[in-house]
PDB file of N, CA and C in Angstrom:
ATOM      1  N   MET A   1     -14.210   1.013   4.426  1.00  0.00           N
ATOM      2  CA  MET A   1     -13.127   1.173   3.515  1.00  0.00           C
ATOM      3  C   MET A   1     -12.925  -0.079   2.856  1.00  0.00           C
ATOM      4  N   PRO A   2     -12.829   0.093   1.514  1.00  0.00           N
ATOM      5  CA  PRO A   2     -12.417  -0.935   0.601  1.00  0.00           C
ATOM      6  C   PRO A   2     -11.116  -1.482   0.788  1.00  0.00           C
ATOM      7  N   LYS A   3     -10.904  -2.800   0.735  1.00  0.00           N
ATOM      8  CA  LYS A   3      -9.471  -3.637   0.970  1.00  0.00           C
ATOM      9  C   LYS A   3      -8.738  -3.179  -0.127  1.00  0.00           C
ATOM     10  N   GLY A   4      -7.458  -3.541  -0.079  1.00  0.00           N
ATOM     11  CA  GLY A   4      -6.356  -3.515  -1.160  1.00  0.00           C
ATOM     12  C   GLY A   4      -6.027  -4.722  -1.520  1.00  0.00           C
ATOM     13  N   TYR A   5      -5.574  -4.853  -2.588  1.00  0.00           N
ATOM     14  CA  TYR A   5      -5.064  -6.380  -3.090  1.00  0.00           C
ATOM     15  C   TYR A   5      -3.815  -6.209  -3.943  1.00  0.00           C
ATOM     16  N   TRP A   6      -3.168  -6.981  -3.722  1.00  0.00           N
ATOM     17  CA  TRP A   6      -1.995  -7.428  -4.779  1.00  0.00           C
ATOM     18  C   TRP A   6      -2.314  -8.689  -5.704  1.00  0.00           C
ATOM     19  N   ILE A   7      -2.178  -8.261  -7.027  1.00  0.00           N
ATOM     20  CA  ILE A   7      -2.284  -9.367  -8.013  1.00  0.00           C
ATOM     21  C   ILE A   7      -1.117  -9.718  -8.652  1.00  0.00           C
ATOM     22  N   VAL A   8      -0.508 -10.809  -8.324  1.00  0.00           N
ATOM     23  CA  VAL A   8       0.658 -11.067  -8.667  1.00  0.00           C
ATOM     24  C   VAL A   8       0.810 -12.282  -9.667  1.00  0.00           C
ATOM     25  N   ARG A   9       1.618 -12.257 -10.686  1.00  0.00           N
ATOM     26  CA  ARG A   9       1.971 -13.350 -11.592  1.00  0.00           C
ATOM     27  C   ARG A   9       3.471 -13.401 -11.737  1.00  0.00           C
ATOM     28  N   VAL A  10       3.910 -14.634 -11.497  1.00  0.00           N
ATOM     29  CA  VAL A  10       5.460 -14.561 -11.718  1.00  0.00           C
ATOM     30  C   VAL A  10       6.054 -15.938 -12.234  1.00  0.00           C
ATOM     31  N   ASP A  11       6.964 -15.815 -12.869  1.00  0.00           N
ATOM     32  CA  ASP A  11       8.054 -16.979 -13.409  1.00  0.00           C
ATOM     33  C   ASP A  11       9.225 -16.811 -12.485  1.00  0.00           C
ATOM     34  N   ILE A  12       9.534 -18.147 -12.007  1.00  0.00           N
ATOM     35  CA  ILE A  12      10.673 -18.033 -11.117  1.00  0.00           C
ATOM     36  C   ILE A  12      11.698 -18.840 -11.648  1.00  0.00           C
ATOM     37  N   ALA A  13      12.947 -18.173 -11.836  1.00  0.00           N
ATOM     38  CA  ALA A  13      14.163 -18.816 -12.478  1.00  0.00           C
ATOM     39  C   ALA A  13      15.046 -19.884 -11.756  1.00  0.00           C
ATOM     40  N   ASP A  14      14.954 -19.401 -10.428  1.00  0.00           N
ATOM     41  CA  ASP A  14      15.805 -19.954  -9.341  1.00  0.00           C
ATOM     42  C   ASP A  14      15.049 -20.228  -7.889  1.00  0.00           C
ATOM     43  N   GLN A  15      14.509 -21.488  -7.740  1.00  0.00           N
ATOM     44  CA  GLN A  15      13.584 -21.665  -6.854  1.00  0.00           C
ATOM     45  C   GLN A  15      14.386 -21.413  -5.263  1.00  0.00           C
ATOM     46  N   GLU A  16      15.621 -22.049  -5.315  1.00  0.00           N
ATOM     47  CA  GLU A  16      16.204 -21.826  -4.029  1.00  0.00           C
ATOM     48  C   GLU A  16      16.485 -20.336  -3.570  1.00  0.00           C
ATOM     49  N   LYS A  17      16.901 -19.404  -4.513  1.00  0.00           N
ATOM     50  CA  LYS A  17      17.085 -18.137  -4.339  1.00  0.00           C
ATOM     51  C   LYS A  17      15.795 -17.413  -3.938  1.00  0.00           C
ATOM     52  N   TYR A  18      14.618 -17.844  -4.680  1.00  0.00           N
ATOM     53  CA  TYR A  18      13.380 -17.548  -4.544  1.00  0.00           C
ATOM     54  C   TYR A  18      12.873 -17.390  -3.121  1.00  0.00           C
ATOM     55  N   LYS A  19      13.415 -18.609  -2.339  1.00  0.00           N
ATOM     56  CA  LYS A  19      13.215 -18.699  -1.078  1.00  0.00           C
ATOM     57  C   LYS A  19      13.470 -17.853  -0.081  1.00  0.00           C
ATOM     58  N   GLU A  20      14.686 -17.236  -0.540  1.00  0.00           N
ATOM     59  CA  GLU A  20      15.237 -15.988   0.328  1.00  0.00           C
ATOM     60  C   GLU A  20      14.262 -14.879   0.353  1.00  0.00           C
ATOM     61  N   TYR A  21      13.899 -14.671  -0.748  1.00  0.00           N
ATOM     62  CA  TYR A  21      12.716 -13.503  -0.826  1.00  0.00           C
ATOM     63  C   TYR A  21      11.400 -13.901  -0.017  1.00  0.00           C
ATOM     64  N   ILE A  22      11.117 -15.131  -0.011  1.00  0.00           N
ATOM     65  CA  ILE A  22       9.710 -15.341   0.659  1.00  0.00           C
ATOM     66  C   ILE A  22       9.967 -15.256   2.239  1.00  0.00           C
ATOM     67  N   ALA A  23      11.195 -15.616   2.557  1.00  0.00           N
ATOM     68  CA  ALA A  23      11.557 -15.413   4.286  1.00  0.00           C
ATOM     69  C   ALA A  23      11.729 -13.998   4.353  1.00  0.00           C
ATOM     70  N   ALA A  24      12.047 -13.054   3.580  1.00  0.00           N
ATOM     71  CA  ALA A  24      12.217 -11.829   3.629  1.00  0.00           C
ATOM     72  C   ALA A  24      11.068 -10.930   3.474  1.00  0.00           C
ATOM     73  N   ASN A  25      10.003 -11.558   2.939  1.00  0.00           N
ATOM     74  CA  ASN A  25       8.704 -10.575   2.707  1.00  0.00           C
ATOM     75  C   ASN A  25       7.915 -10.699   3.691  1.00  0.00           C
ATOM     76  N   ALA A  26       8.213 -11.985   4.560  1.00  0.00           N
ATOM     77  CA  ALA A  26       7.181 -12.343   5.751  1.00  0.00           C
ATOM     78  C   ALA A  26       6.975 -11.085   6.801  1.00  0.00           C
ATOM     79  N   ALA A  27       8.025 -10.439   7.145  1.00  0.00           N
ATOM     80  CA  ALA A  27       7.984  -9.185   8.255  1.00  0.00           C
ATOM     81  C   ALA A  27       7.154  -7.953   7.669  1.00  0.00           C
ATOM     82  N   PRO A  28       7.391  -7.656   6.426  1.00  0.00           N
ATOM     83  CA  PRO A  28       6.725  -6.710   5.806  1.00  0.00           C
ATOM     84  C   PRO A  28       5.278  -6.682   5.669  1.00  0.00           C
ATOM     85  N   PHE A  29       4.905  -8.221   5.171  1.00  0.00           N
ATOM     86  CA  PHE A  29       3.534  -8.534   4.936  1.00  0.00           C
ATOM     87  C   PHE A  29       2.596  -8.488   6.283  1.00  0.00           C
ATOM     88  N   LYS A  30       3.489  -8.964   7.396  1.00  0.00           N
ATOM     89  CA  LYS A  30       2.875  -9.090   8.535  1.00  0.00           C
ATOM     90  C   LYS A  30       2.413  -7.569   9.187  1.00  0.00           C
ATOM     91  N   GLU A  31       3.841  -6.631   8.983  1.00  0.00           N
ATOM     92  CA  GLU A  31       3.429  -5.261   9.339  1.00  0.00           C
ATOM     93  C   GLU A  31       2.189  -4.641   8.822  1.00  0.00           C
ATOM     94  N   HIS A  32       1.931  -4.862   7.608  1.00  0.00           N
ATOM     95  CA  HIS A  32       0.949  -4.431   6.826  1.00  0.00           C
ATOM     96  C   HIS A  32      -0.465  -5.128   6.615  1.00  0.00           C
ATOM     97  N   GLY A  33      -0.543  -6.070   7.499  1.00  0.00           N
ATOM     98  CA  GLY A  33      -1.757  -6.857   7.632  1.00  0.00           C
ATOM     99  C   GLY A  33      -2.303  -7.656   6.258  1.00  0.00           C
ATOM    100  N   ALA A  34      -1.107  -8.183   5.543  1.00  0.00           N
ATOM    101  CA  ALA A  34      -1.463  -9.002   4.474  1.00  0.00           C
ATOM    102  C   ALA A  34      -1.763 -10.487   4.746  1.00  0.00           C
ATOM    103  N   ARG A  35      -2.700 -10.916   3.773  1.00  0.00           N
ATOM    104  CA  ARG A  35      -3.199 -12.201   3.865  1.00  0.00           C
ATOM    105  C   ARG A  35      -3.560 -12.865   2.653  1.00  0.00           C
ATOM    106  N   PHE A  36      -2.593 -13.932   2.350  1.00  0.00           N
ATOM    107  CA  PHE A  36      -2.743 -14.674   1.155  1.00  0.00           C
ATOM    108  C   PHE A  36      -4.215 -15.272   0.866  1.00  0.00           C
ATOM    109  N   LEU A  37      -4.870 -15.091  -0.143  1.00  0.00           N
ATOM    110  CA  LEU A  37      -5.902 -15.575  -0.617  1.00  0.00           C
ATOM    111  C   LEU A  37      -5.852 -16.601  -1.583  1.00  0.00           C
ATOM    112  N   VAL A  38      -4.692 -16.334  -2.465  1.00  0.00           N
ATOM    113  CA  VAL A  38      -4.226 -17.274  -3.393  1.00  0.00           C
ATOM    114  C   VAL A  38      -2.785 -17.454  -3.453  1.00  0.00           C
ATOM    115  N   ARG A  39      -2.217 -18.489  -3.428  1.00  0.00           N
ATOM    116  CA  ARG A  39      -0.714 -18.838  -3.473  1.00  0.00           C
ATOM    117  C   ARG A  39      -0.401 -19.877  -4.285  1.00  0.00           C
ATOM    118  N   ALA A  40      -0.101 -19.695  -5.598  1.00  0.00           N
ATOM    119  CA  ALA A  40       0.366 -20.878  -6.208  1.00  0.00           C
ATOM    120  C   ALA A  40      -0.346 -22.067  -6.677  1.00  0.00           C
ATOM    121  N   GLY A  41      -1.742 -22.088  -6.374  1.00  0.00           N
ATOM    122  CA  GLY A  41      -2.491 -23.049  -6.367  1.00  0.00           C
ATOM    123  C   GLY A  41      -2.569 -23.720  -8.193  1.00  0.00           C
ATOM    124  N   ARG A  42      -3.634 -24.504  -8.326  1.00  0.00           N
ATOM    125  CA  ARG A  42      -3.682 -25.207  -9.687  1.00  0.00           C
ATOM    126  C   ARG A  42      -4.539 -24.027 -10.474  1.00  0.00           C
ATOM    127  N   PHE A  43      -4.108 -23.712 -11.693  1.00  0.00           N
ATOM    128  CA  PHE A  43      -4.754 -22.774 -12.477  1.00  0.00           C
ATOM    129  C   PHE A  43      -4.945 -23.126 -13.783  1.00  0.00           C
ATOM    130  N   GLU A  44      -5.633 -22.736 -14.566  1.00  0.00           N
ATOM    131  CA  GLU A  44      -5.624 -22.874 -16.361  1.00  0.00           C
ATOM    132  C   GLU A  44      -5.716 -21.590 -16.767  1.00  0.00           C
ATOM    133  N   ALA A  45      -4.955 -20.967 -17.783  1.00  0.00           N
ATOM    134  CA  ALA A  45      -5.131 -19.730 -18.322  1.00  0.00           C
ATOM    135  C   ALA A  45      -6.267 -20.120 -19.664  1.00  0.00           C
ATOM    136  N   VAL A  46      -7.309 -19.638 -19.441  1.00  0.00           N
ATOM    137  CA  VAL A  46      -8.341 -19.886 -20.255  1.00  0.00           C
ATOM    138  C   VAL A  46      -8.473 -18.743 -21.323  1.00  0.00           C
ATOM    139  N   GLU A  47      -7.776 -17.428 -21.151  1.00  0.00           N
ATOM    140  CA  GLU A  47      -7.720 -16.402 -21.964  1.00  0.00           C
ATOM    141  C   GLU A  47      -6.304 -15.688 -21.640  1.00  0.00           C
ATOM    142  N   GLY A  48      -5.670 -15.226 -22.802  1.00  0.00           N
ATOM    143  CA  GLY A  48      -4.489 -14.402 -22.499  1.00  0.00           C
ATOM    144  C   GLY A  48      -3.190 -14.986 -22.079  1.00  0.00           C
ATOM    145  N   GLY A  49      -2.303 -14.370 -21.746  1.00  0.00           N
ATOM    146  CA  GLY A  49      -1.142 -14.935 -21.338  1.00  0.00           C
ATOM    147  C   GLY A  49      -1.162 -15.457 -19.765  1.00  0.00           C
ATOM    148  N   SER A  50       0.080 -16.034 -19.281  1.00  0.00           N
ATOM    149  CA  SER A  50      -0.037 -16.481 -17.719  1.00  0.00           C
ATOM    150  C   SER A  50       1.553 -16.605 -17.665  1.00  0.00           C
ATOM    151  N   ARG A  51       1.709 -16.686 -16.312  1.00  0.00           N
ATOM    152  CA  ARG A  51       3.119 -17.053 -15.726  1.00  0.00           C
ATOM    153  C   ARG A  51       2.840 -18.359 -14.975  1.00  0.00           C
ATOM    154  N   SER A  52       3.888 -18.980 -14.349  1.00  0.00           N
ATOM    155  CA  SER A  52       3.707 -20.233 -13.909  1.00  0.00           C
ATOM    156  C   SER A  52       3.263 -20.230 -12.577  1.00  0.00           C
ATOM    157  N   ARG A  53       3.302 -19.019 -11.852  1.00  0.00           N
ATOM    158  CA  ARG A  53       2.634 -18.908 -10.661  1.00  0.00           C
ATOM    159  C   ARG A  53       2.044 -17.851 -10.150  1.00  0.00           C
ATOM    160  N   ASN A  54       1.031 -17.801  -9.415  1.00  0.00           N
ATOM    161  CA  ASN A  54       0.004 -16.747  -9.286  1.00  0.00           C
ATOM    162  C   ASN A  54      -0.100 -16.450  -7.745  1.00  0.00           C
ATOM    163  N   ALA A  55      -0.625 -15.284  -7.503  1.00  0.00           N
ATOM    164  CA  ALA A  55      -1.034 -14.941  -5.815  1.00  0.00           C
ATOM    165  C   ALA A  55      -1.867 -13.865  -5.970  1.00  0.00           C
ATOM    166  N   VAL A  56      -2.508 -13.746  -5.034  1.00  0.00           N
ATOM    167  CA  VAL A  56      -3.661 -12.799  -4.816  1.00  0.00           C
ATOM    168  C   VAL A  56      -3.515 -12.561  -3.206  1.00  0.00           C
ATOM    169  N   ILE A  57      -3.194 -11.201  -2.965  1.00  0.00           N
ATOM    170  CA  ILE A  57      -2.734 -10.978  -1.570  1.00  0.00           C
ATOM    171  C   ILE A  57      -3.688  -9.742  -0.880  1.00  0.00           C
ATOM    172  N   GLU A  58      -4.326  -9.981   0.179  1.00  0.00           N
ATOM    173  CA  GLU A  58      -5.339  -9.081   0.542  1.00  0.00           C
ATOM    174  C   GLU A  58      -4.626  -8.292   1.676  1.00  0.00           C
ATOM    175  N   PHE A  59      -5.054  -6.929   1.688  1.00  0.00           N
ATOM    176  CA  PHE A  59      -4.569  -6.102   2.765  1.00  0.00           C
ATOM    177  C   PHE A  59      -5.852  -5.168   3.411  1.00  0.00           C
ATOM    178  N   PRO A  60      -5.557  -4.748   4.535  1.00  0.00           N
ATOM    179  CA  PRO A  60      -6.953  -3.982   4.953  1.00  0.00           C
ATOM    180  C   PRO A  60      -7.451  -2.856   4.487  1.00  0.00           C
ATOM    181  N   SER A  61      -6.444  -2.297   3.540  1.00  0.00           N
ATOM    182  CA  SER A  61      -6.989  -1.093   2.558  1.00  0.00           C
ATOM    183  C   SER A  61      -6.067  -1.053   1.368  1.00  0.00           C
ATOM    184  N   TYR A  62      -6.545  -0.301   0.572  1.00  0.00           N
ATOM    185  CA  TYR A  62      -5.536   0.013  -0.675  1.00  0.00           C
ATOM    186  C   TYR A  62      -4.260   0.785  -0.172  1.00  0.00           C
ATOM    187  N   GLN A  63      -4.458   1.555   0.653  1.00  0.00           N
ATOM    188  CA  GLN A  63      -3.079   2.467   1.328  1.00  0.00           C
ATOM    189  C   GLN A  63      -2.191   1.486   1.931  1.00  0.00           C
ATOM    190  N   ALA A  64      -2.790   0.213   2.740  1.00  0.00           N
ATOM    191  CA  ALA A  64      -1.867  -0.566   3.319  1.00  0.00           C
ATOM    192  C   ALA A  64      -1.233  -1.333   2.329  1.00  0.00           C
ATOM    193  N   ALA A  65      -1.866  -1.693   1.112  1.00  0.00           N
ATOM    194  CA  ALA A  65      -1.236  -2.545  -0.039  1.00  0.00           C
ATOM    195  C   ALA A  65       0.107  -1.622  -0.582  1.00  0.00           C
ATOM    196  N   LEU A  66      -0.084  -0.335  -0.801  1.00  0.00           N
ATOM    197  CA  LEU A  66       0.562   0.443  -1.429  1.00  0.00           C
ATOM    198  C   LEU A  66       2.098   0.501  -0.563  1.00  0.00           C
ATOM    199  N   ASP A  67       1.608   0.958   0.859  1.00  0.00           N
ATOM    200  CA  ASP A  67       2.587   1.161   1.980  1.00  0.00           C
ATOM    201  C   ASP A  67       3.528   0.021   1.949  1.00  0.00           C
ATOM    202  N   CYS A  68       2.871  -1.355   1.995  1.00  0.00           N
ATOM    203  CA  CYS A  68       3.581  -2.436   2.108  1.00  0.00           C
ATOM    204  C   CYS A  68       4.634  -2.524   0.847  1.00  0.00           C
ATOM    205  N   TRP A  69       4.326  -2.300  -0.234  1.00  0.00           N
ATOM    206  CA  TRP A  69       5.134  -2.334  -1.455  1.00  0.00           C
ATOM    207  C   TRP A  69       6.219  -1.336  -1.513  1.00  0.00           C
ATOM    208  N   ARG A  70       5.842  -0.220  -0.970  1.00  0.00           N
ATOM    209  CA  ARG A  70       6.717   1.092  -0.662  1.00  0.00           C
ATOM    210  C   ARG A  70       7.690   0.849   0.579  1.00  0.00           C
ATOM    211  N   SER A  71       7.504   0.055   1.671  1.00  0.00           N
ATOM    212  CA  SER A  71       8.056  -0.076   2.780  1.00  0.00           C
ATOM    213  C   SER A  71       9.587  -0.466   2.590  1.00  0.00           C
ATOM    214  N   PRO A  72      10.381   0.170   3.452  1.00  0.00           N
ATOM    215  CA  PRO A  72      11.911  -0.315   3.350  1.00  0.00           C
ATOM    216  C   PRO A  72      11.976  -1.852   3.328  1.00  0.00           C
ATOM    217  N   GLY A  73      11.284  -2.545   4.227  1.00  0.00           N
ATOM    218  CA  GLY A  73      11.389  -3.976   4.363  1.00  0.00           C
ATOM    219  C   GLY A  73      11.026  -4.761   3.239  1.00  0.00           C
ATOM    220  N   TYR A  74      10.062  -4.250   2.578  1.00  0.00           N
ATOM    221  CA  TYR A  74       9.657  -5.181   1.361  1.00  0.00           C
ATOM    222  C   TYR A  74      10.792  -4.504   0.218  1.00  0.00           C
ATOM    223  N   GLN A  75      11.196  -3.291   0.078  1.00  0.00           N
ATOM    224  CA  GLN A  75      12.170  -3.088  -0.958  1.00  0.00           C
ATOM    225  C   GLN A  75      13.237  -3.743  -0.769  1.00  0.00           C
ATOM    226  N   LYS A  76      13.609  -3.997   0.661  1.00  0.00           N
ATOM    227  CA  LYS A  76      14.913  -5.181   0.782  1.00  0.00           C
ATOM    228  C   LYS A  76      14.694  -6.330   0.181  1.00  0.00           C
ATOM    229  N   ALA A  77      13.358  -6.727   0.378  1.00  0.00           N
ATOM    230  CA  ALA A  77      13.073  -8.170  -0.169  1.00  0.00           C
ATOM    231  C   ALA A  77      12.972  -8.426  -1.505  1.00  0.00           C
ATOM    232  N   LEU A  78      12.549  -7.101  -2.225  1.00  0.00           N
ATOM    233  CA  LEU A  78      12.398  -6.957  -3.575  1.00  0.00           C
ATOM    234  C   LEU A  78      13.721  -7.308  -4.374  1.00  0.00           C
ATOM    235  N   LYS A  79      14.803  -6.762  -3.749  1.00  0.00           N
ATOM    236  CA  LYS A  79      16.187  -6.944  -4.271  1.00  0.00           C
ATOM    237  C   LYS A  79      16.443  -8.423  -4.132  1.00  0.00           C
ATOM    238  N   LEU A  80      15.851  -9.048  -3.517  1.00  0.00           N
ATOM    239  CA  LEU A  80      16.378 -10.623  -3.516  1.00  0.00           C
ATOM    240  C   LEU A  80      15.533 -11.258  -4.580  1.00  0.00           C
ATOM    241  N   ARG A  81      14.392 -10.716  -4.847  1.00  0.00           N
ATOM    242  CA  ARG A  81      13.482 -11.542  -5.958  1.00  0.00           C
ATOM    243  C   ARG A  81      13.697 -11.049  -7.237  1.00  0.00           C
ATOM    244  N   GLN A  82      14.279 -10.057  -7.483  1.00  0.00           N
ATOM    245  CA  GLN A  82      14.340  -9.467  -8.960  1.00  0.00           C
ATOM    246  C   GLN A  82      15.345 -10.051  -9.833  1.00  0.00           C
ATOM    247  N   PRO A  83      16.429 -10.358  -9.184  1.00  0.00           N
ATOM    248  CA  PRO A  83      17.593 -11.165 -10.230  1.00  0.00           C
ATOM    249  C   PRO A  83      16.899 -12.644 -10.498  1.00  0.00           C
ATOM    250  N   VAL A  84      15.827 -13.344  -9.737  1.00  0.00           N
ATOM    251  CA  VAL A  84      15.728 -14.746  -9.952  1.00  0.00           C
ATOM    252  C   VAL A  84      14.500 -14.815 -10.384  1.00  0.00           C
ATOM    253  N   SER A  85      13.529 -13.677 -11.002  1.00  0.00           N
ATOM    254  CA  SER A  85      12.290 -14.029 -11.313  1.00  0.00           C
ATOM    255  C   SER A  85      11.623 -12.949 -12.168  1.00  0.00           C
ATOM    256  N   THR A  86      10.556 -13.089 -12.950  1.00  0.00           N
ATOM    257  CA  THR A  86      10.045 -12.054 -13.828  1.00  0.00           C
ATOM    258  C   THR A  86       8.609 -11.845 -13.100  1.00  0.00           C
ATOM    259  N   ILE A  87       8.245 -10.854 -13.026  1.00  0.00           N
ATOM    260  CA  ILE A  87       6.772 -10.634 -12.315  1.00  0.00           C
ATOM    261  C   ILE A  87       5.944  -9.477 -13.016  1.00  0.00           C
ATOM    262  N   ASP A  88       4.751  -9.854 -12.926  1.00  0.00           N
ATOM    263  CA  ASP A  88       3.612  -8.758 -13.099  1.00  0.00           C
ATOM    264  C   ASP A  88       2.808  -8.608 -11.575  1.00  0.00           C
ATOM    265  N   LEU A  89       2.745  -7.349 -11.167  1.00  0.00           N
ATOM    266  CA  LEU A  89       2.273  -7.142 -10.121  1.00  0.00           C
ATOM    267  C   LEU A  89       1.405  -5.851 -10.057  1.00  0.00           C
ATOM    268  N   ILE A  90       0.145  -5.970  -9.612  1.00  0.00           N
ATOM    269  CA  ILE A  90      -0.573  -4.684  -9.556  1.00  0.00           C
ATOM    270  C   ILE A  90      -1.219  -4.478  -8.142  1.00  0.00           C
ATOM    271  N   VAL A  91      -1.249  -3.451  -7.896  1.00  0.00           N
ATOM    272  CA  VAL A  91      -1.875  -3.138  -6.564  1.00  0.00           C
ATOM    273  C   VAL A  91      -3.522  -2.478  -6.835  1.00  0.00           C
ATOM    274  N   ILE A  92      -4.437  -3.143  -6.318  1.00  0.00           N
ATOM    275  CA  ILE A  92      -5.721  -2.711  -6.769  1.00  0.00           C
ATOM    276  C   ILE A  92      -6.647  -2.487  -5.559  1.00  0.00           C
ATOM    277  N   GLU A  93      -7.292  -1.539  -5.760  1.00  0.00           N
ATOM    278  CA  GLU A  93      -8.487  -1.342  -4.778  1.00  0.00           C
ATOM    279  C   GLU A  93      -9.683  -2.198  -4.728  1.00  0.00           C
ATOM    280  N   GLY A  94     -10.249  -2.930  -3.777  1.00  0.00           N
ATOM    281  CA  GLY A  94     -11.494  -3.881  -3.654  1.00  0.00           C
ATOM    282  C   GLY A  94     -12.725  -3.097  -3.772  1.00  0.00           C
ATOM    283  N   LEU A  95     -13.639  -3.639  -4.027  1.00  0.00           N
ATOM    284  CA  LEU A  95     -15.116  -2.858  -4.090  1.00  0.00           C
ATOM    285  C   LEU A  95     -15.374  -2.539  -2.548  1.00  0.00           C
ATOM    286  N   GLU A  96     -16.157  -1.367  -2.552  1.00  0.00           N
ATOM    287  CA  GLU A  96     -16.450  -1.077  -1.157  1.00  0.00           C
ATOM    288  C   GLU A  96     -17.581  -1.899  -0.604  1.00  0.00           C
ATOM    289  N   PRO A  97     -17.515  -2.127   0.680  1.00  0.00           N
ATOM    290  CA  PRO A  97     -18.549  -3.329   1.249  1.00  0.00           C
ATOM    291  C   PRO A  97     -19.726  -2.957   1.159  1.00  0.00           C
ATOM    292  N   PRO A  98     -20.747  -3.871   0.803  1.00  0.00           N
ATOM    293  CA  PRO A  98     -22.146  -3.070   1.019  1.00  0.00           C
ATOM    294  C   PRO A  98     -22.526  -2.761   2.536  1.00  0.00           C
ATOM    295  N   ALA A  99     -23.368  -1.622   2.278  1.00  0.00           N
ATOM    296  CA  ALA A  99     -23.952  -0.988   3.555  1.00  0.00           C
ATOM    297  C   ALA A  99     -24.855  -2.057   4.245  1.00  0.00           C
ATOM    298  N   ALA A 100     -24.611  -1.944   5.528  1.00  0.00           N
ATOM    299  CA  ALA A 100     -25.640  -3.008   6.351  1.00  0.00           C
ATOM    300  C   ALA A 100     -26.883  -2.541   6.338  1.00  0.00           C
ATOM    301  N   THR A 101     -27.802  -3.514   6.134  1.00  0.00           N
ATOM    302  CA  THR A 101     -29.323  -3.071   6.093  1.00  0.00           C
ATOM    303  C   THR A 101     -29.800  -3.360   7.541  1.00  0.00           C
TER     304      THR A 101
END
């Protein structure tokens, strides 16, 4: 089964308030098996637009990625993030793992 991913680009207006969102999203991320692959590292936008911070979050499946975003715990965290940030977030299905030979 292919994994699911969140691809996130965000501009943060209030770093201190954003920390409350980070604390609040920990439980739903853990519950849905999230693992950060990219989190606010160095980057260069070589084409198109960008935001100041980027993340790629891996989930065990596409459904788990959607379920996390839709979960009551994440929706509660989302309310902390929305007033202090601007975000582009997509949920995307990964490639099917190659068959074992």
